[in-house]
Structures are given as structure tokens and as C-alpha cells.
C-alpha atoms as a PDB file:
ATOM      1  CA  MET A   1      -9.700  64.291  78.019  1.00  0.00           C
ATOM      2  CA  ASN A   2      -6.127  65.472  78.416  1.00  0.00           C
ATOM      3  CA  LYS A   3      -3.964  64.135  75.401  1.00  0.00           C
ATOM      4  CA  LYS A   4      -0.731  62.339  76.367  1.00  0.00           C
ATOM      5  CA  THR A   5       2.156  60.785  74.294  1.00  0.00           C
ATOM      6  CA  ILE A   6       3.836  57.743  75.801  1.00  0.00           C
ATOM      7  CA  PHE A   7       7.539  57.439  75.252  1.00  0.00           C
ATOM      8  CA  TYR A   8      10.495  55.260  76.482  1.00  0.00           C
ATOM      9  CA  LEU A   9      13.995  56.641  76.712  1.00  0.00           C
ATOM     10  CA  ALA A  10      16.888  54.201  76.684  1.00  0.00           C
ATOM     11  CA  ARG A  11      20.712  54.724  76.544  1.00  0.00           C
ATOM     12  CA  HIS A  12      22.499  52.869  73.786  1.00  0.00           C
ATOM     13  CA  GLY A  13      24.515  49.586  74.441  1.00  0.00           C
ATOM     14  CA  GLU A  14      27.997  49.387  76.040  1.00  0.00           C
ATOM     15  CA  THR A  15      30.735  50.488  73.755  1.00  0.00           C
ATOM     16  CA  GLN A  16      34.415  50.099  73.683  1.00  0.00           C
ATOM     17  CA  TRP A  17      35.078  53.714  75.081  1.00  0.00           C
ATOM     18  CA  ASN A  18      32.480  52.774  77.997  1.00  0.00           C
ATOM     19  CA  ILE A  19      34.813  50.046  78.977  1.00  0.00           C
ATOM     20  CA  GLU A  20      37.907  52.246  78.714  1.00  0.00           C
ATOM     21  CA  GLN A  21      36.121  54.944  80.639  1.00  0.00           C
ATOM     22  CA  ARG A  22      36.672  57.551  77.856  1.00  0.00           C
ATOM     23  CA  ILE A  23      34.432  60.562  77.396  1.00  0.00           C
ATOM     24  CA  GLN A  24      32.629  59.984  74.127  1.00  0.00           C
ATOM     25  CA  GLY A  25      30.471  63.036  73.616  1.00  0.00           C
ATOM     26  CA  GLN A  26      29.934  63.516  70.044  1.00  0.00           C
ATOM     27  CA  LEU A  27      32.737  61.150  69.076  1.00  0.00           C
ATOM     28  CA  ASP A  28      32.013  57.541  68.789  1.00  0.00           C
ATOM     29  CA  SER A  29      33.237  54.014  69.397  1.00  0.00           C
ATOM     30  CA  ALA A  30      31.385  50.661  68.299  1.00  0.00           C
ATOM     31  CA  LEU A  31      29.084  48.594  70.510  1.00  0.00           C
ATOM     32  CA  THR A  32      30.868  45.697  72.277  1.00  0.00           C
ATOM     33  CA  GLU A  33      29.544  42.236  72.011  1.00  0.00           C
ATOM     34  CA  LYS A  34      27.972  42.646  75.509  1.00  0.00           C
ATOM     35  CA  GLY A  35      26.598  45.956  74.043  1.00  0.00           C
ATOM     36  CA  GLN A  36      24.788  44.297  71.228  1.00  0.00           C
ATOM     37  CA  GLN A  37      23.382  41.742  73.595  1.00  0.00           C
ATOM     38  CA  GLN A  38      21.980  44.592  75.726  1.00  0.00           C
ATOM     39  CA  ALA A  39      20.420  46.091  72.663  1.00  0.00           C
ATOM     40  CA  LEU A  40      18.621  42.586  72.067  1.00  0.00           C
ATOM     41  CA  GLN A  41      17.560  42.595  75.693  1.00  0.00           C
ATOM     42  CA  LEU A  42      16.055  46.002  75.171  1.00  0.00           C
ATOM     43  CA  ALA A  43      14.234  45.196  72.219  1.00  0.00           C
ATOM     44  CA  ARG A  44      12.717  42.161  73.931  1.00  0.00           C
ATOM     45  CA  LEU A  45      11.693  44.492  76.846  1.00  0.00           C
ATOM     46  CA  CYS A  46       9.954  46.604  74.423  1.00  0.00           C
ATOM     47  CA  GLU A  47       7.933  43.759  72.603  1.00  0.00           C
ATOM     48  CA  PRO A  48       4.748  43.996  74.996  1.00  0.00           C
ATOM     49  CA  LEU A  49       4.954  47.993  75.001  1.00  0.00           C
ATOM     50  CA  ASN A  50       3.209  48.486  71.673  1.00  0.00           C
ATOM     51  CA  ILE A  51       6.102  50.746  70.438  1.00  0.00           C
ATOM     52  CA  THR A  52       5.112  52.272  67.036  1.00  0.00           C
ATOM     53  CA  GLN A  53       8.155  54.372  66.303  1.00  0.00           C
ATOM     54  CA  ILE A  54      11.968  54.367  66.994  1.00  0.00           C
ATOM     55  CA  LEU A  55      13.889  57.405  67.159  1.00  0.00           C
ATOM     56  CA  THR A  56      17.488  57.591  67.411  1.00  0.00           C
ATOM     57  CA  SER A  57      20.526  59.826  67.748  1.00  0.00           C
ATOM     58  CA  HIS A  58      22.666  59.924  64.546  1.00  0.00           C
ATOM     59  CA  LEU A  59      25.734  58.726  66.615  1.00  0.00           C
ATOM     60  CA  GLY A  60      26.863  55.274  65.712  1.00  0.00           C
ATOM     61  CA  ARG A  61      26.366  53.594  69.110  1.00  0.00           C
ATOM     62  CA  ALA A  62      22.818  54.811  69.272  1.00  0.00           C
ATOM     63  CA  LYS A  63      22.106  53.843  65.792  1.00  0.00           C
ATOM     64  CA  GLN A  64      23.544  50.327  66.188  1.00  0.00           C
ATOM     65  CA  THR A  65      21.328  49.972  69.323  1.00  0.00           C
ATOM     66  CA  ALA A  66      18.360  51.185  67.560  1.00  0.00           C
ATOM     67  CA  ASP A  67      18.988  48.952  64.451  1.00  0.00           C
ATOM     68  CA  VAL A  68      18.905  45.834  66.719  1.00  0.00           C
ATOM     69  CA  CYS A  69      15.679  47.084  68.331  1.00  0.00           C
ATOM     70  CA  GLY A  70      14.271  47.911  64.846  1.00  0.00           C
ATOM     71  CA  GLN A  71      15.001  44.381  63.524  1.00  0.00           C
ATOM     72  CA  GLN A  72      13.571  42.633  66.582  1.00  0.00           C
ATOM     73  CA  LEU A  73      10.387  44.988  66.816  1.00  0.00           C
ATOM     74  CA  GLN A  74       9.994  44.837  62.930  1.00  0.00           C
ATOM     75  CA  LEU A  75      10.093  48.595  62.875  1.00  0.00           C
ATOM     76  CA  PRO A  76      11.947  51.219  61.013  1.00  0.00           C
ATOM     77  CA  ILE A  77      14.437  53.529  62.745  1.00  0.00           C
ATOM     78  CA  ASN A  78      14.323  57.262  62.281  1.00  0.00           C
ATOM     79  CA  ILE A  79      17.450  59.252  62.916  1.00  0.00           C
ATOM     80  CA  PHE A  80      16.297  62.260  65.060  1.00  0.00           C
ATOM     81  CA  ALA A  81      18.354  65.614  65.372  1.00  0.00           C
ATOM     82  CA  GLY A  82      18.634  67.137  68.967  1.00  0.00           C
ATOM     83  CA  ILE A  83      18.779  63.911  70.795  1.00  0.00           C
ATOM     84  CA  GLU A  84      22.589  63.279  70.351  1.00  0.00           C
ATOM     85  CA  GLU A  85      24.974  63.260  73.177  1.00  0.00           C
ATOM     86  CA  ARG A  86      26.304  66.606  74.716  1.00  0.00           C
ATOM     87  CA  ASP A  87      29.304  67.993  72.942  1.00  0.00           C
ATOM     88  CA  PHE A  88      31.978  67.733  75.556  1.00  0.00           C
ATOM     89  CA  GLY A  89      34.570  69.583  73.428  1.00  0.00           C
ATOM     90  CA  LEU A  90      38.183  69.275  74.322  1.00  0.00           C
ATOM     91  CA  TRP A  91      37.179  66.669  76.676  1.00  0.00           C
ATOM     92  CA  GLN A  92      36.081  64.283  74.197  1.00  0.00           C
ATOM     93  CA  GLY A  93      38.321  61.086  73.665  1.00  0.00           C
ATOM     94  CA  LYS A  94      40.072  61.678  77.088  1.00  0.00           C
ATOM     95  CA  GLN A  95      39.670  59.316  79.904  1.00  0.00           C
ATOM     96  CA  THR A  96      37.371  60.312  82.727  1.00  0.00           C
ATOM     97  CA  GLU A  97      39.812  59.695  85.346  1.00  0.00           C
ATOM     98  CA  GLU A  98      42.129  62.360  83.680  1.00  0.00           C
ATOM     99  CA  MET A  99      39.319  64.977  83.702  1.00  0.00           C
ATOM    100  CA  ARG A 100      38.335  64.436  87.261  1.00  0.00           C
ATOM    101  CA  THR A 101      41.093  66.797  88.484  1.00  0.00           C
ATOM    102  CA  HIS A 102      39.483  69.624  86.366  1.00  0.00           C
ATOM    103  CA  PRO A 103      38.077  72.255  88.804  1.00  0.00           C
ATOM    104  CA  ASP A 104      34.782  72.254  86.992  1.00  0.00           C
ATOM    105  CA  TYR A 105      34.347  68.518  86.508  1.00  0.00           C
ATOM    106  CA  ALA A 106      31.657  68.107  89.372  1.00  0.00           C
ATOM    107  CA  GLU A 107      29.646  70.995  88.197  1.00  0.00           C
ATOM    108  CA  ILE A 108      29.998  69.841  84.312  1.00  0.00           C
ATOM    109  CA  THR A 109      29.233  66.128  84.934  1.00  0.00           C
ATOM    110  CA  ALA A 110      26.800  66.188  87.850  1.00  0.00           C
ATOM    111  CA  GLN A 111      24.818  69.518  87.723  1.00  0.00           C
ATOM    112  CA  VAL A 112      22.605  71.305  85.126  1.00  0.00           C
ATOM    113  CA  THR A 113      24.221  74.670  84.645  1.00  0.00           C
ATOM    114  CA  ASP A 114      25.717  76.968  82.087  1.00  0.00           C
ATOM    115  CA  CYS A 115      29.361  75.720  82.913  1.00  0.00           C
ATOM    116  CA  LYS A 116      30.841  73.808  80.011  1.00  0.00           C
ATOM    117  CA  PRO A 117      34.031  72.095  78.791  1.00  0.00           C
ATOM    118  CA  GLN A 118      36.420  74.252  76.651  1.00  0.00           C
ATOM    119  CA  GLN A 119      34.770  74.310  72.991  1.00  0.00           C
ATOM    120  CA  GLY A 120      31.840  72.068  74.232  1.00  0.00           C
ATOM    121  CA  GLU A 121      28.208  72.448  75.208  1.00  0.00           C
ATOM    122  CA  SER A 122      26.581  73.442  78.605  1.00  0.00           C
ATOM    123  CA  SER A 123      24.198  70.823  80.199  1.00  0.00           C
ATOM    124  CA  LYS A 124      21.444  73.569  79.977  1.00  0.00           C
ATOM    125  CA  GLN A 125      22.133  73.862  76.321  1.00  0.00           C
ATOM    126  CA  LEU A 126      21.939  70.231  75.799  1.00  0.00           C
ATOM    127  CA  LEU A 127      18.624  69.997  77.852  1.00  0.00           C
ATOM    128  CA  SER A 128      17.167  72.940  75.809  1.00  0.00           C
ATOM    129  CA  ARG A 129      17.818  71.236  72.558  1.00  0.00           C
ATOM    130  CA  PHE A 130      16.788  67.768  73.647  1.00  0.00           C
ATOM    131  CA  GLU A 131      13.484  69.029  75.167  1.00  0.00           C
ATOM    132  CA  THR A 132      12.774  71.237  72.138  1.00  0.00           C
ATOM    133  CA  ALA A 133      13.316  68.331  69.736  1.00  0.00           C
ATOM    134  CA  LEU A 134      10.975  66.017  71.790  1.00  0.00           C
ATOM    135  CA  LYS A 135       8.133  68.643  72.042  1.00  0.00           C
ATOM    136  CA  ALA A 136       8.326  69.250  68.392  1.00  0.00           C
ATOM    137  CA  GLN A 137       8.051  65.741  67.506  1.00  0.00           C
ATOM    138  CA  PHE A 138       5.301  65.042  69.876  1.00  0.00           C
ATOM    139  CA  ASP A 139       3.340  68.241  68.924  1.00  0.00           C
ATOM    140  CA  THR A 140       3.610  67.315  65.354  1.00  0.00           C
ATOM    141  CA  LYS A 141       3.011  63.525  65.652  1.00  0.00           C
ATOM    142  CA  PRO A 142       1.176  62.774  69.171  1.00  0.00           C
ATOM    143  CA  ASP A 143      -0.124  59.482  68.318  1.00  0.00           C
ATOM    144  CA  GLY A 144       1.878  56.170  68.823  1.00  0.00           C
ATOM    145  CA  CYS A 145       4.351  55.007  71.351  1.00  0.00           C
ATOM    146  CA  TYR A 146       7.949  55.972  71.004  1.00  0.00           C
ATOM    147  CA  LEU A 147      11.309  54.215  71.839  1.00  0.00           C
ATOM    148  CA  ILE A 148      14.065  56.797  71.787  1.00  0.00           C
ATOM    149  CA  ILE A 149      17.480  55.724  71.801  1.00  0.00           C
ATOM    150  CA  THR A 150      19.860  58.368  73.249  1.00  0.00           C
ATOM    151  CA  HIS A 151      22.928  58.753  75.588  1.00  0.00           C
ATOM    152  CA  GLY A 152      24.007  58.945  79.190  1.00  0.00           C
ATOM    153  CA  ASP A 153      24.493  62.818  79.889  1.00  0.00           C
ATOM    154  CA  VAL A 154      21.309  63.463  77.926  1.00  0.00           C
ATOM    155  CA  LEU A 155      19.470  61.216  80.257  1.00  0.00           C
ATOM    156  CA  ARG A 156      21.284  62.779  83.301  1.00  0.00           C
ATOM    157  CA  CYS A 157      20.287  66.428  82.434  1.00  0.00           C
ATOM    158  CA  PHE A 158      16.652  65.408  81.276  1.00  0.00           C
ATOM    159  CA  MET A 159      15.866  63.221  84.324  1.00  0.00           C
ATOM    160  CA  SER A 160      17.160  65.820  86.698  1.00  0.00           C
ATOM    161  CA  GLN A 161      13.826  67.559  86.536  1.00  0.00           C
ATOM    162  CA  PHE A 162      12.284  64.439  88.322  1.00  0.00           C
ATOM    163  CA  LEU A 163      14.847  64.196  91.043  1.00  0.00           C
ATOM    164  CA  ALA A 164      15.037  66.090  94.493  1.00  0.00           C
ATOM    165  CA  CYS A 165      17.607  69.026  94.319  1.00  0.00           C
ATOM    166  CA  ASP A 166      20.120  67.152  96.406  1.00  0.00           C
ATOM    167  CA  GLN A 167      20.270  64.090  94.122  1.00  0.00           C
ATOM    168  CA  LEU A 168      23.073  64.574  91.891  1.00  0.00           C
ATOM    169  CA  THR A 169      23.803  61.913  89.365  1.00  0.00           C
ATOM    170  CA  THR A 170      26.228  61.521  86.419  1.00  0.00           C
ATOM    171  CA  GLY A 171      25.590  60.255  83.020  1.00  0.00           C
ATOM    172  CA  TYR A 172      27.072  56.781  83.979  1.00  0.00           C
ATOM    173  CA  ASP A 173      24.240  56.325  86.416  1.00  0.00           C
ATOM    174  CA  TYR A 174      21.983  55.474  83.594  1.00  0.00           C
ATOM    175  CA  LYS A 175      22.770  52.013  82.646  1.00  0.00           C
ATOM    176  CA  ASN A 176      23.446  50.780  79.054  1.00  0.00           C
ATOM    177  CA  CYS A 177      20.217  49.936  77.497  1.00  0.00           C
ATOM    178  CA  GLN A 178      18.140  50.890  80.810  1.00  0.00           C
ATOM    179  CA  LEU A 179      14.525  51.588  79.596  1.00  0.00           C
ATOM    180  CA  ILE A 180      12.822  54.793  81.262  1.00  0.00           C
ATOM    181  CA  PRO A 181       8.963  55.013  80.808  1.00  0.00           C
ATOM    182  CA  LEU A 182       7.638  58.748  80.511  1.00  0.00           C
ATOM    183  CA  SER A 183       4.751  60.787  78.950  1.00  0.00           C
ATOM    184  CA  TYR A 184       4.236  64.119  77.419  1.00  0.00           C
ATOM    185  CA  ASP A 185       1.221  66.135  78.514  1.00  0.00           C
ATOM    186  CA  HIS A 186       0.176  68.004  75.555  1.00  0.00           C
ATOM    187  CA  ALA A 187      -2.161  70.450  77.235  1.00  0.00           C
ATOM    188  CA  LYS A 188       0.540  71.412  79.856  1.00  0.00           C
ATOM    189  CA  ARG A 189       3.523  70.847  77.346  1.00  0.00           C
ATOM    190  CA  CYS A 190       5.503  69.081  80.189  1.00  0.00           C
ATOM    191  CA  PHE A 191       6.990  65.665  80.753  1.00  0.00           C
ATOM    192  CA  LEU A 192       5.994  63.303  83.258  1.00  0.00           C
ATOM    193  CA  PRO A 193       7.230  59.968  84.682  1.00  0.00           C
ATOM    194  CA  LEU A 194       4.805  56.913  84.144  1.00  0.00           C
END
């Protein structure tokens, strides 16, 4: 029988910079009260899913979300390298509206290409590090069911493989604490929607 690892991806809870529509990237802002409530709702959604491990980005907003889930599910959280948000370079901290006039804005925020913000990371680089990290984890520890707390642009880039070519999305299309069920096929070394 073909071995599969079940995992659930979720974006962190709402942050102050989400409200201000600032590009966070690898900078950070704290969860709002609503974001903390979203994290609690996420944990409750996970209760019947038999989650055995919680992996989180090291960034504070993801870690705060994971902490709430870990307490509710009575599981330790593990900070996991490679799943942190895209490095948006000089765009970080700026308001989204300010960057919309940049000639590469649409390509950088809604496509998976080599284009990147100045001093930042391309979506292809982000996708490569994220998939490499997940495969290494699942190949080493295939048993169990994972909750993985990550970020909007990570989800956009990763989930693009499951969308038709003409379905462009942005990181903002993935709602805070939205739960996305997936599996990893060990024989084919590929990811599949559940």
C-alpha cells in the first residue's frame, strides 16, 4: 500500500499589519484580539483531526497562533525552518497600496516566477525552500498528522500547483487561520489535495 502523510496548512491569525495592509514578509507584528480568537477557532477545528504534531514558522505571528493551538490540543509546538514567509526585501513594512504602482507588482504577488522585490526572495525560491523542508520532514517522520502554521504568500505559491493556470491568486486570498487539508505521497514524492 502506498504510504501517505496527512497534513493541514493554516495561515496565522490576523495581525495589526494585516489591518493596516502592510507587507510583513519576514518582519512581524503581533496578533490582534481577533487574530487570537481565530487561532482558538483553528484549534477547535483541529480537535477531531487527530493532529499529532504542530510545526510553525519562527515568525512571531505564526508562533503565537501555534501556541494557542498547542495549548488547546495539548501538543508541543516545533519551530520549523523553511516554512517562514517570503522575504519581500525592501517592500517589507510598506503599505500594499504604495507598492501596487511598482511595474512588477502583479508578477511578484500573483504569479510564481523568478521575479523578486529588491533585496528579496522570488516566489520560486520560496516555493523550493518550502517544499524541500516539508519533504525532508515527511520522509524522516512519515507517521502522524501535522498542523503546519505558515503564511499567506507561502500558501499562494504552494497551492498554485493545484489551480488552473489562469487562476491567479494573491497571499491575501488565503484567510487568516483557514485550514487546508493535504497529503504527501511518499512513493511519488508529491503533494495532493485531500
